[in-house]
Amino acid sequence: MNYLLLYALFSAKLCSMKLEIIIGNNVRGFRNRMEVSQEKLAELADVHRTFIGTIERAEQSISAATISKLAKALKVEPFVLLIKDSFLHGEQYQKLK
């Protein structure tokens, strides 16, 4: 198993935050860094526009496939969305094009 994935999973446990909250905060944070709307992110990730708000508010668990689609749209690796407050250090995580 990838050490970074293990770190992400353990950091979620250690910080005592629900994983849905960590993912939601990171999706919102990276989306804001990219200066795109929820609707535009939904289009880029091929999900329904209202689903982005649901994710950002941590109202629903999401699948690994959805995490992967969001990560691709946000230009980060999927594990990055599992690390608490990773959007604050976005320049370290976002892929340069």
C-alpha atoms as a PDB file:
ATOM      1  CA  MET A   1       0.000   0.000   0.000  1.00  0.00           C
ATOM      2  CA  ASN A   2       1.170   3.497  -0.795  1.00  0.00           C
ATOM      3  CA  TYR A   3       2.690   5.299   2.211  1.00  0.00           C
ATOM      4  CA  LEU A   4       1.027   8.585   1.258  1.00  0.00           C
ATOM      5  CA  LEU A   5      -2.373   6.916   1.256  1.00  0.00           C
ATOM      6  CA  LEU A   6      -1.664   5.438   4.683  1.00  0.00           C
ATOM      7  CA  TYR A   7      -0.623   8.866   5.925  1.00  0.00           C
ATOM      8  CA  ALA A   8      -3.833  10.383   4.579  1.00  0.00           C
ATOM      9  CA  LEU A   9      -5.992   7.768   6.230  1.00  0.00           C
ATOM     10  CA  PHE A  10      -4.207   8.038   9.566  1.00  0.00           C
ATOM     11  CA  SER A  11      -4.203  11.840   9.510  1.00  0.00           C
ATOM     12  CA  ALA A  12      -7.979  11.721   9.147  1.00  0.00           C
ATOM     13  CA  LYS A  13      -8.229   9.402  12.156  1.00  0.00           C
ATOM     14  CA  LEU A  14      -5.776  11.362  14.289  1.00  0.00           C
ATOM     15  CA  CYS A  15      -7.419  14.715  13.753  1.00  0.00           C
ATOM     16  CA  SER A  16     -10.778  13.239  14.858  1.00  0.00           C
ATOM     17  CA  MET A  17     -12.600  14.791  11.908  1.00  0.00           C
ATOM     18  CA  LYS A  18     -14.932  12.772   9.775  1.00  0.00           C
ATOM     19  CA  LEU A  19     -13.403  11.933   6.430  1.00  0.00           C
ATOM     20  CA  GLU A  20     -16.398  13.500   4.672  1.00  0.00           C
ATOM     21  CA  ILE A  21     -15.590  16.853   6.310  1.00  0.00           C
ATOM     22  CA  ILE A  22     -11.928  16.648   5.282  1.00  0.00           C
ATOM     23  CA  ILE A  23     -12.857  15.809   1.689  1.00  0.00           C
ATOM     24  CA  GLY A  24     -15.521  18.523   1.578  1.00  0.00           C
ATOM     25  CA  ASN A  25     -13.179  21.189   2.936  1.00  0.00           C
ATOM     26  CA  ASN A  26     -10.489  20.200   0.454  1.00  0.00           C
ATOM     27  CA  VAL A  27     -12.862  20.162  -2.516  1.00  0.00           C
ATOM     28  CA  ARG A  28     -14.113  23.651  -1.585  1.00  0.00           C
ATOM     29  CA  GLY A  29     -10.584  24.906  -0.925  1.00  0.00           C
ATOM     30  CA  PHE A  30      -9.081  23.634  -4.182  1.00  0.00           C
ATOM     31  CA  ARG A  31     -12.160  24.796  -6.130  1.00  0.00           C
ATOM     32  CA  ASN A  32     -11.775  28.288  -4.688  1.00  0.00           C
ATOM     33  CA  ARG A  33      -8.030  28.274  -5.467  1.00  0.00           C
ATOM     34  CA  MET A  34      -8.927  27.469  -9.076  1.00  0.00           C
ATOM     35  CA  GLU A  35     -11.595  30.199  -9.001  1.00  0.00           C
ATOM     36  CA  VAL A  36     -14.297  27.969 -10.467  1.00  0.00           C
ATOM     37  CA  SER A  37     -17.935  27.688  -9.476  1.00  0.00           C
ATOM     38  CA  GLN A  38     -19.551  24.552  -8.126  1.00  0.00           C
ATOM     39  CA  GLU A  39     -21.350  24.239 -11.441  1.00  0.00           C
ATOM     40  CA  LYS A  40     -18.098  24.413 -13.440  1.00  0.00           C
ATOM     41  CA  LEU A  41     -16.397  21.857 -11.166  1.00  0.00           C
ATOM     42  CA  ALA A  42     -19.385  19.554 -11.574  1.00  0.00           C
ATOM     43  CA  GLU A  43     -19.029  19.848 -15.340  1.00  0.00           C
ATOM     44  CA  LEU A  44     -15.281  19.130 -15.183  1.00  0.00           C
ATOM     45  CA  ALA A  45     -15.793  16.127 -12.881  1.00  0.00           C
ATOM     46  CA  ASP A  46     -18.869  14.835 -14.732  1.00  0.00           C
ATOM     47  CA  VAL A  47     -21.122  14.881 -11.669  1.00  0.00           C
ATOM     48  CA  HIS A  48     -24.419  16.672 -11.015  1.00  0.00           C
ATOM     49  CA  ARG A  49     -23.998  20.310 -10.014  1.00  0.00           C
ATOM     50  CA  THR A  50     -25.915  19.943  -6.735  1.00  0.00           C
ATOM     51  CA  PHE A  51     -23.668  17.029  -5.748  1.00  0.00           C
ATOM     52  CA  ILE A  52     -20.673  19.378  -5.363  1.00  0.00           C
ATOM     53  CA  GLY A  53     -22.498  21.372  -2.675  1.00  0.00           C
ATOM     54  CA  THR A  54     -23.501  18.146  -0.938  1.00  0.00           C
ATOM     55  CA  ILE A  55     -19.859  17.031  -0.901  1.00  0.00           C
ATOM     56  CA  GLU A  56     -18.565  20.403   0.310  1.00  0.00           C
ATOM     57  CA  ARG A  57     -21.093  20.399   3.169  1.00  0.00           C
ATOM     58  CA  ALA A  58     -20.098  16.800   4.065  1.00  0.00           C
ATOM     59  CA  GLU A  59     -23.696  15.677   3.829  1.00  0.00           C
ATOM     60  CA  GLN A  60     -22.915  12.433   2.041  1.00  0.00           C
ATOM     61  CA  SER A  61     -20.123   9.884   1.747  1.00  0.00           C
ATOM     62  CA  ILE A  62     -18.676   9.573  -1.718  1.00  0.00           C
ATOM     63  CA  SER A  63     -17.154   6.687  -3.618  1.00  0.00           C
ATOM     64  CA  ALA A  64     -13.524   6.231  -4.545  1.00  0.00           C
ATOM     65  CA  ALA A  65     -14.534   6.719  -8.185  1.00  0.00           C
ATOM     66  CA  THR A  66     -16.032  10.126  -7.371  1.00  0.00           C
ATOM     67  CA  ILE A  67     -12.954  11.118  -5.365  1.00  0.00           C
ATOM     68  CA  SER A  68     -10.865  10.212  -8.398  1.00  0.00           C
ATOM     69  CA  LYS A  69     -13.050  12.268 -10.766  1.00  0.00           C
ATOM     70  CA  LEU A  70     -12.979  15.273  -8.454  1.00  0.00           C
ATOM     71  CA  ALA A  71      -9.220  14.999  -7.984  1.00  0.00           C
ATOM     72  CA  LYS A  72      -8.676  14.940 -11.742  1.00  0.00           C
ATOM     73  CA  ALA A  73     -10.891  18.005 -12.177  1.00  0.00           C
ATOM     74  CA  LEU A  74      -9.058  19.783  -9.342  1.00  0.00           C
ATOM     75  CA  LYS A  75      -5.653  18.752 -10.758  1.00  0.00           C
ATOM     76  CA  VAL A  76      -4.519  16.845  -7.664  1.00  0.00           C
ATOM     77  CA  GLU A  77      -3.882  13.200  -6.882  1.00  0.00           C
ATOM     78  CA  PRO A  78      -6.873  11.491  -5.228  1.00  0.00           C
ATOM     79  CA  PHE A  79      -5.081  10.899  -1.903  1.00  0.00           C
ATOM     80  CA  VAL A  80      -4.609  14.667  -1.514  1.00  0.00           C
ATOM     81  CA  LEU A  81      -8.335  15.100  -0.910  1.00  0.00           C
ATOM     82  CA  LEU A  82      -7.996  12.816   2.142  1.00  0.00           C
ATOM     83  CA  ILE A  83      -5.329  14.917   3.895  1.00  0.00           C
ATOM     84  CA  LYS A  84      -6.676  17.460   6.364  1.00  0.00           C
ATOM     85  CA  ASP A  85      -6.406  21.014   4.995  1.00  0.00           C
ATOM     86  CA  SER A  86      -4.252  20.006   2.022  1.00  0.00           C
ATOM     87  CA  PHE A  87      -5.787  22.861   0.004  1.00  0.00           C
ATOM     88  CA  LEU A  88      -3.867  25.301   2.222  1.00  0.00           C
ATOM     89  CA  HIS A  89      -0.675  23.943   0.662  1.00  0.00           C
ATOM     90  CA  GLY A  90      -2.108  23.583  -2.823  1.00  0.00           C
ATOM     91  CA  GLU A  91       1.029  24.602  -4.630  1.00  0.00           C
ATOM     92  CA  GLN A  92       2.690  21.454  -3.267  1.00  0.00           C
ATOM     93  CA  TYR A  93      -0.122  19.215  -4.450  1.00  0.00           C
ATOM     94  CA  GLN A  94      -1.625  20.677  -7.615  1.00  0.00           C
ATOM     95  CA  LYS A  95      -0.332  19.383 -10.910  1.00  0.00           C
ATOM     96  CA  LEU A  96       1.278  21.972 -13.116  1.00  0.00           C
ATOM     97  CA  LYS A  97       0.108  22.076 -16.697  1.00  0.00           C
END
